[in-house]
N, C-alpha and C. Protein backbone atom coordinates (compact mmCIF):
# COMPACT_ATOMS: atom_id res chain seq x y z
N MET A 1 -39.52 -72.56 72.18
CA MET A 1 -40.63 -71.64 71.58
C MET A 1 -39.85 -71.91 70.14
N THR A 2 -40.60 -72.17 69.10
CA THR A 2 -40.01 -72.89 68.08
C THR A 2 -39.46 -71.54 67.02
N TRP A 3 -38.61 -71.58 66.31
CA TRP A 3 -38.09 -70.59 65.35
C TRP A 3 -39.35 -69.71 64.74
N GLU A 4 -40.57 -70.33 63.94
CA GLU A 4 -41.45 -69.44 63.72
C GLU A 4 -42.22 -68.82 64.59
N GLY A 5 -42.22 -69.04 65.83
CA GLY A 5 -42.68 -67.99 67.21
C GLY A 5 -41.90 -67.04 67.15
N LEU A 6 -40.66 -67.09 67.04
CA LEU A 6 -39.59 -65.38 67.41
C LEU A 6 -40.04 -64.40 66.64
N ASN A 7 -39.99 -63.44 67.10
CA ASN A 7 -40.11 -61.95 66.45
C ASN A 7 -38.45 -61.74 66.03
N ARG A 8 -38.54 -61.81 64.67
CA ARG A 8 -37.42 -61.24 64.66
C ARG A 8 -36.98 -59.68 63.98
N ARG A 9 -38.15 -59.19 64.11
CA ARG A 9 -37.99 -57.79 63.68
C ARG A 9 -38.30 -56.80 64.78
N GLN A 10 -37.48 -55.68 65.35
CA GLN A 10 -37.49 -54.90 66.30
C GLN A 10 -38.51 -53.81 66.05
N PHE A 11 -38.91 -53.40 64.69
CA PHE A 11 -40.04 -52.54 64.43
C PHE A 11 -40.99 -53.24 63.65
N PRO A 12 -42.41 -52.78 64.07
CA PRO A 12 -43.22 -53.03 63.02
C PRO A 12 -43.49 -52.27 61.86
N ARG A 13 -43.67 -53.53 60.93
CA ARG A 13 -43.87 -52.87 59.66
C ARG A 13 -45.26 -52.76 58.58
N ALA A 14 -45.28 -51.97 57.97
CA ALA A 14 -46.57 -52.01 57.07
C ALA A 14 -46.49 -52.27 55.76
N ASN A 15 -47.15 -52.78 55.00
CA ASN A 15 -47.08 -52.95 53.51
C ASN A 15 -47.52 -51.70 53.09
N PHE A 16 -47.00 -51.07 52.02
CA PHE A 16 -47.24 -49.82 51.61
C PHE A 16 -46.40 -49.41 50.78
N PRO A 17 -46.38 -49.31 49.51
CA PRO A 17 -45.63 -49.19 48.43
C PRO A 17 -45.65 -47.50 47.94
N CYS A 18 -44.63 -47.24 49.24
CA CYS A 18 -44.30 -45.59 48.84
C CYS A 18 -43.18 -45.23 47.74
N LEU A 19 -43.04 -44.12 46.86
CA LEU A 19 -41.90 -44.07 46.26
C LEU A 19 -40.06 -43.86 47.06
N ILE A 20 -39.37 -44.73 46.21
CA ILE A 20 -38.30 -44.69 46.82
C ILE A 20 -36.89 -44.43 45.59
N LYS A 21 -35.98 -43.71 46.26
CA LYS A 21 -34.84 -43.50 45.44
C LYS A 21 -33.52 -44.28 46.03
N ILE A 22 -32.73 -44.98 45.34
CA ILE A 22 -31.96 -45.30 46.38
C ILE A 22 -30.52 -45.04 45.52
N VAL A 23 -29.65 -44.42 45.93
CA VAL A 23 -28.24 -43.80 45.32
C VAL A 23 -27.12 -44.41 46.16
N HIS A 24 -26.12 -44.81 45.47
CA HIS A 24 -24.85 -45.18 45.89
C HIS A 24 -23.74 -43.83 45.97
N GLU A 25 -23.32 -43.95 46.99
CA GLU A 25 -22.50 -42.66 46.90
C GLU A 25 -21.62 -42.43 45.97
N GLY A 26 -21.17 -41.62 45.15
CA GLY A 26 -20.22 -41.54 43.71
C GLY A 26 -21.12 -42.45 42.34
N ARG A 27 -22.04 -42.16 42.92
CA ARG A 27 -23.25 -43.07 41.49
C ARG A 27 -24.32 -42.79 41.42
N GLU A 28 -24.45 -41.36 41.66
CA GLU A 28 -25.83 -40.90 41.46
C GLU A 28 -26.68 -40.93 40.17
N ASP A 29 -25.63 -41.16 38.96
CA ASP A 29 -26.21 -41.22 37.46
C ASP A 29 -26.94 -42.74 37.51
N GLU A 30 -26.51 -43.51 38.73
CA GLU A 30 -27.38 -44.94 38.62
C GLU A 30 -28.29 -45.29 39.44
N ALA A 31 -29.01 -43.87 40.00
CA ALA A 31 -29.84 -44.37 40.62
C ALA A 31 -31.10 -45.20 40.44
N ILE A 32 -31.30 -45.89 41.73
CA ILE A 32 -32.61 -46.50 41.61
C ILE A 32 -33.77 -46.21 41.76
N LEU A 33 -34.84 -46.46 40.79
CA LEU A 33 -36.27 -45.49 41.41
C LEU A 33 -37.07 -47.28 41.41
N THR A 34 -37.66 -47.01 42.64
CA THR A 34 -38.66 -48.04 42.90
C THR A 34 -39.75 -47.73 43.99
N HIS A 35 -40.24 -48.99 44.53
CA HIS A 35 -41.20 -48.43 45.91
C HIS A 35 -40.84 -49.46 47.01
N THR A 36 -41.33 -49.36 47.85
CA THR A 36 -41.10 -50.09 49.22
C THR A 36 -42.50 -51.02 49.19
N GLU A 37 -41.58 -52.17 49.29
CA GLU A 37 -42.78 -53.53 49.65
C GLU A 37 -43.28 -53.48 51.39
N ASN A 38 -42.48 -52.84 52.08
CA ASN A 38 -43.03 -52.35 53.40
C ASN A 38 -42.13 -51.54 54.05
N ILE A 39 -42.26 -50.85 54.92
CA ILE A 39 -41.74 -49.79 55.72
C ILE A 39 -41.79 -49.94 57.21
N SER A 40 -40.92 -49.58 57.94
CA SER A 40 -40.97 -49.17 59.72
C SER A 40 -39.77 -48.16 59.59
N THR A 41 -40.01 -47.39 61.07
CA THR A 41 -38.97 -46.36 61.45
C THR A 41 -37.59 -47.10 61.28
N GLY A 42 -37.46 -48.43 61.28
CA GLY A 42 -36.15 -49.19 61.29
C GLY A 42 -35.62 -49.27 59.74
N GLY A 43 -36.07 -49.45 58.67
CA GLY A 43 -35.78 -49.61 57.37
C GLY A 43 -37.17 -50.09 56.33
N ALA A 44 -36.77 -50.80 55.57
CA ALA A 44 -37.78 -50.66 54.18
C ALA A 44 -37.23 -52.23 53.51
N ALA A 45 -38.25 -52.50 52.86
CA ALA A 45 -37.86 -53.73 52.17
C ALA A 45 -38.76 -53.35 50.60
N VAL A 46 -37.18 -53.45 49.48
CA VAL A 46 -37.74 -53.02 48.51
C VAL A 46 -37.51 -54.23 47.33
N ILE A 47 -38.10 -54.10 45.85
CA ILE A 47 -37.57 -55.11 45.07
C ILE A 47 -36.96 -54.21 43.80
N ILE A 48 -35.87 -54.47 43.27
CA ILE A 48 -35.13 -54.21 42.50
C ILE A 48 -34.66 -55.16 41.35
N LYS A 49 -34.27 -54.48 40.05
CA LYS A 49 -33.92 -55.30 39.13
C LYS A 49 -32.51 -56.17 39.40
N LYS A 50 -31.67 -55.20 40.04
CA LYS A 50 -29.77 -55.91 40.14
C LYS A 50 -30.13 -55.83 41.67
N SER A 51 -28.80 -56.42 41.85
CA SER A 51 -28.62 -56.91 43.28
C SER A 51 -27.41 -55.99 43.57
N LEU A 52 -27.54 -55.51 45.12
CA LEU A 52 -26.78 -54.63 46.04
C LEU A 52 -25.97 -55.21 47.07
N GLU A 53 -24.84 -55.04 46.75
CA GLU A 53 -23.64 -55.78 48.14
C GLU A 53 -24.21 -55.76 49.12
N LEU A 54 -24.39 -56.69 50.02
CA LEU A 54 -24.50 -56.82 51.49
C LEU A 54 -23.57 -55.91 52.06
N PHE A 55 -24.48 -54.85 53.04
CA PHE A 55 -23.94 -54.17 53.90
C PHE A 55 -23.53 -52.64 52.70
N MET A 56 -23.85 -52.62 52.06
CA MET A 56 -23.37 -51.33 51.11
C MET A 56 -24.00 -49.95 51.78
N SER A 57 -23.58 -48.94 51.76
CA SER A 57 -24.21 -47.96 52.16
C SER A 57 -24.87 -47.26 51.16
N VAL A 58 -25.95 -46.73 51.24
CA VAL A 58 -26.51 -45.98 50.20
C VAL A 58 -26.98 -44.61 50.89
N LYS A 59 -27.88 -43.93 49.92
CA LYS A 59 -28.51 -42.73 50.42
C LYS A 59 -30.06 -42.92 50.01
N VAL A 60 -31.04 -42.78 50.38
CA VAL A 60 -32.30 -43.20 49.87
C VAL A 60 -33.13 -41.85 50.22
N GLU A 61 -34.34 -41.58 49.28
CA GLU A 61 -34.87 -40.49 49.29
C GLU A 61 -36.58 -41.24 49.38
N ILE A 62 -37.45 -40.65 50.33
CA ILE A 62 -38.71 -41.75 50.06
C ILE A 62 -39.78 -40.73 50.25
N ASP A 63 -40.66 -40.76 49.43
CA ASP A 63 -41.75 -40.23 49.12
C ASP A 63 -43.08 -40.99 49.81
N LEU A 64 -43.24 -40.17 51.44
CA LEU A 64 -44.31 -41.04 51.53
C LEU A 64 -45.90 -40.87 50.98
N MET A 65 -45.90 -39.92 50.25
CA MET A 65 -47.37 -39.51 49.71
C MET A 65 -48.08 -38.74 50.39
N ASP A 66 -47.58 -38.29 51.81
CA ASP A 66 -48.72 -37.54 52.80
C ASP A 66 -48.50 -36.23 52.21
N GLY A 67 -48.09 -35.64 51.44
CA GLY A 67 -47.72 -34.21 51.20
C GLY A 67 -46.76 -33.22 52.01
N GLY A 68 -46.05 -34.18 52.46
CA GLY A 68 -44.98 -33.57 52.91
C GLY A 68 -43.48 -33.74 52.46
N GLU A 69 -42.33 -33.25 52.71
CA GLU A 69 -40.81 -33.19 51.86
C GLU A 69 -40.71 -34.72 51.79
N LEU A 70 -39.81 -34.90 50.84
CA LEU A 70 -39.09 -36.13 51.01
C LEU A 70 -38.06 -36.23 52.20
N ILE A 71 -38.31 -37.54 52.40
CA ILE A 71 -37.52 -38.16 53.63
C ILE A 71 -36.05 -38.23 53.24
N THR A 72 -35.07 -37.87 53.55
CA THR A 72 -33.55 -38.19 52.82
C THR A 72 -33.02 -38.90 54.11
N CYS A 73 -32.19 -40.07 54.01
CA CYS A 73 -31.23 -40.60 55.13
C CYS A 73 -30.17 -41.41 54.45
N GLY A 74 -29.32 -41.63 55.47
CA GLY A 74 -28.59 -42.74 55.06
C GLY A 74 -29.13 -44.30 55.09
N ALA A 75 -28.69 -45.06 54.30
CA ALA A 75 -29.45 -46.53 54.61
C ALA A 75 -28.38 -47.78 54.48
N LYS A 76 -28.04 -48.79 55.09
CA LYS A 76 -27.42 -50.05 54.52
C LYS A 76 -28.37 -51.52 54.52
N VAL A 77 -27.69 -51.75 52.94
CA VAL A 77 -28.42 -53.38 52.76
C VAL A 77 -28.01 -54.20 53.93
N VAL A 78 -29.12 -54.64 54.44
CA VAL A 78 -28.69 -55.80 55.57
C VAL A 78 -29.24 -57.22 54.97
N TRP A 79 -30.09 -57.44 53.99
CA TRP A 79 -30.42 -58.32 53.35
C TRP A 79 -30.55 -58.47 51.49
N THR A 80 -30.36 -59.47 51.20
CA THR A 80 -30.97 -59.34 49.78
C THR A 80 -31.05 -60.98 49.60
N VAL A 81 -32.27 -61.19 48.61
CA VAL A 81 -32.34 -62.37 48.03
C VAL A 81 -33.13 -62.41 46.88
N ARG A 82 -32.20 -63.07 45.60
CA ARG A 82 -32.51 -63.17 44.38
C ARG A 82 -33.72 -64.06 44.24
N ARG A 83 -34.97 -63.40 43.61
CA ARG A 83 -36.29 -64.11 43.24
C ARG A 83 -36.16 -65.02 41.74
N LYS A 84 -36.60 -65.80 42.09
CA LYS A 84 -36.84 -66.91 40.79
C LYS A 84 -37.19 -66.27 39.69
N ALA A 85 -36.76 -66.43 38.29
CA ALA A 85 -37.47 -66.34 37.28
C ALA A 85 -38.46 -66.51 36.47
N LEU A 86 -39.66 -66.18 36.07
CA LEU A 86 -40.88 -67.16 36.02
C LEU A 86 -40.56 -67.34 34.50
N GLU A 87 -39.49 -66.75 33.70
CA GLU A 87 -39.65 -66.82 32.41
C GLU A 87 -38.50 -66.65 31.94
N ALA A 88 -38.22 -67.79 30.97
CA ALA A 88 -36.38 -67.40 30.44
C ALA A 88 -36.01 -66.03 30.33
N LEU A 89 -37.05 -65.31 29.33
CA LEU A 89 -37.01 -64.04 28.83
C LEU A 89 -36.59 -62.67 29.98
N LYS A 90 -37.39 -63.41 31.06
CA LYS A 90 -37.70 -62.26 31.74
C LYS A 90 -36.41 -62.20 33.17
N PRO A 91 -36.03 -60.90 32.81
CA PRO A 91 -34.73 -61.04 34.27
C PRO A 91 -35.34 -61.27 35.93
N SER A 92 -34.27 -61.93 36.56
CA SER A 92 -34.64 -62.14 37.93
C SER A 92 -34.80 -60.64 38.55
N PHE A 93 -35.57 -60.63 39.71
CA PHE A 93 -35.54 -59.85 40.51
C PHE A 93 -35.02 -60.10 41.93
N TYR A 94 -34.59 -58.85 42.87
CA TYR A 94 -33.89 -59.38 43.72
C TYR A 94 -34.81 -58.30 45.04
N ASP A 95 -35.13 -59.25 46.33
CA ASP A 95 -35.68 -58.37 47.65
C ASP A 95 -34.45 -58.13 48.08
N ILE A 96 -34.72 -56.87 48.43
CA ILE A 96 -33.41 -56.03 49.23
C ILE A 96 -33.78 -55.19 50.92
N GLY A 97 -33.59 -55.85 51.69
CA GLY A 97 -33.60 -54.96 52.89
C GLY A 97 -32.74 -53.91 53.32
N LEU A 98 -33.16 -53.08 53.37
CA LEU A 98 -32.43 -51.92 54.08
C LEU A 98 -32.94 -50.85 55.52
N GLU A 99 -31.89 -50.90 56.19
CA GLU A 99 -31.44 -50.27 57.41
C GLU A 99 -31.43 -49.11 57.09
N PHE A 100 -32.37 -47.81 58.08
CA PHE A 100 -32.13 -46.51 57.76
C PHE A 100 -30.67 -46.52 58.96
N LEU A 101 -30.13 -45.33 58.67
CA LEU A 101 -28.97 -45.25 59.50
C LEU A 101 -29.17 -43.87 60.24
N ASP A 102 -29.37 -42.83 59.73
CA ASP A 102 -29.20 -41.22 60.10
C ASP A 102 -30.70 -40.98 59.84
N LEU A 103 -32.02 -41.58 60.05
CA LEU A 103 -33.29 -40.93 60.12
C LEU A 103 -33.56 -39.69 61.07
N ARG A 104 -33.83 -38.64 60.90
CA ARG A 104 -34.04 -37.57 61.86
C ARG A 104 -35.52 -37.46 62.63
N GLU A 105 -35.42 -37.24 63.72
CA GLU A 105 -36.45 -37.24 64.22
C GLU A 105 -37.79 -37.05 64.08
N GLU A 106 -37.91 -35.99 62.83
CA GLU A 106 -39.17 -35.70 62.52
C GLU A 106 -40.07 -36.67 61.17
N SER A 107 -38.56 -37.27 60.67
CA SER A 107 -38.96 -38.05 59.54
C SER A 107 -39.26 -39.51 60.30
N ARG A 108 -38.48 -39.51 61.41
CA ARG A 108 -39.07 -41.05 62.03
C ARG A 108 -40.47 -40.88 62.55
N SER A 109 -40.87 -40.00 63.06
CA SER A 109 -42.30 -39.59 63.70
C SER A 109 -43.10 -39.82 62.26
N ARG A 110 -42.88 -39.16 61.25
CA ARG A 110 -43.67 -39.59 59.99
C ARG A 110 -43.61 -40.55 59.56
N VAL A 111 -43.06 -41.46 59.43
CA VAL A 111 -42.63 -42.79 59.34
C VAL A 111 -43.59 -43.72 60.39
N ALA A 112 -43.64 -43.35 61.37
CA ALA A 112 -43.85 -44.01 62.53
C ALA A 112 -45.68 -43.70 62.47
N HIS A 113 -46.10 -42.67 62.05
CA HIS A 113 -47.38 -42.30 62.03
C HIS A 113 -47.89 -42.92 61.04
N THR A 114 -47.28 -43.11 59.68
CA THR A 114 -47.92 -43.80 58.62
C THR A 114 -48.03 -45.22 59.06
N VAL A 115 -46.84 -46.03 59.37
CA VAL A 115 -46.96 -47.25 60.01
C VAL A 115 -48.31 -47.65 60.76
N GLU A 116 -48.45 -46.77 61.53
CA GLU A 116 -49.38 -47.11 63.09
C GLU A 116 -50.83 -46.83 61.91
N HIS A 117 -51.09 -45.93 61.23
CA HIS A 117 -52.10 -45.78 60.65
C HIS A 117 -52.45 -46.67 59.67
N LEU A 118 -51.40 -47.53 58.77
CA LEU A 118 -51.35 -48.55 58.21
C LEU A 118 -52.07 -49.65 58.54
N VAL A 119 -51.45 -50.19 60.24
CA VAL A 119 -51.61 -51.22 60.90
C VAL A 119 -52.88 -51.36 61.42
N ARG A 120 -53.20 -50.09 61.77
CA ARG A 120 -54.34 -49.86 62.51
C ARG A 120 -55.64 -50.77 61.40
N PHE A 121 -55.16 -50.40 59.85
CA PHE A 121 -56.61 -50.62 59.01
C PHE A 121 -55.71 -52.01 58.36
N GLY A 122 -55.20 -52.79 58.98
CA GLY A 122 -54.99 -54.33 58.82
C GLY A 122 -53.71 -54.46 57.49
N ARG A 123 -52.85 -53.41 57.52
CA ARG A 123 -51.66 -53.65 56.34
C ARG A 123 -50.60 -54.10 56.94
N GLN A 124 -50.72 -54.36 58.60
CA GLN A 124 -49.15 -54.93 58.87
C GLN A 124 -48.80 -56.23 58.02
N THR A 125 -47.17 -56.19 57.84
CA THR A 125 -46.94 -57.29 57.47
C THR A 125 -46.41 -58.04 58.29
N PRO A 126 -46.97 -59.30 58.38
CA PRO A 126 -46.71 -60.73 58.83
C PRO A 126 -45.01 -60.85 59.63
N MET A 127 -45.12 -60.81 60.74
CA MET A 127 -43.39 -61.60 61.38
C MET A 127 -43.26 -62.54 60.81
N ARG A 128 -41.65 -62.77 60.37
CA ARG A 128 -41.22 -63.87 59.63
C ARG A 128 -40.51 -64.35 60.74
């Protein structure tokens, strides 16, 4: 089997731009507000303007925009990739992978339901 054929993701992900707030403990005044690129019950990918340290622990608040309460949990930065700046005057952005650490069962079920719904309508993220 070639590398391209391997499924490196443990959880199916769906392309879904839900709102997310990322806070490094002790730095609440530097909260990052953005949206997810994709999400699964195991984590999410986001694009932000600054790099986060690999394996950094953060707290996240996620609004699935389903009328439910915000989902709050701890997360860990598991990968970070700097995007190329398209113009000299525009800042680079960073693709960041977050792994959810202590997602409550009720929250996990809501995320799973959202992902399953989106996958049914063809919004699944291709495996890489």
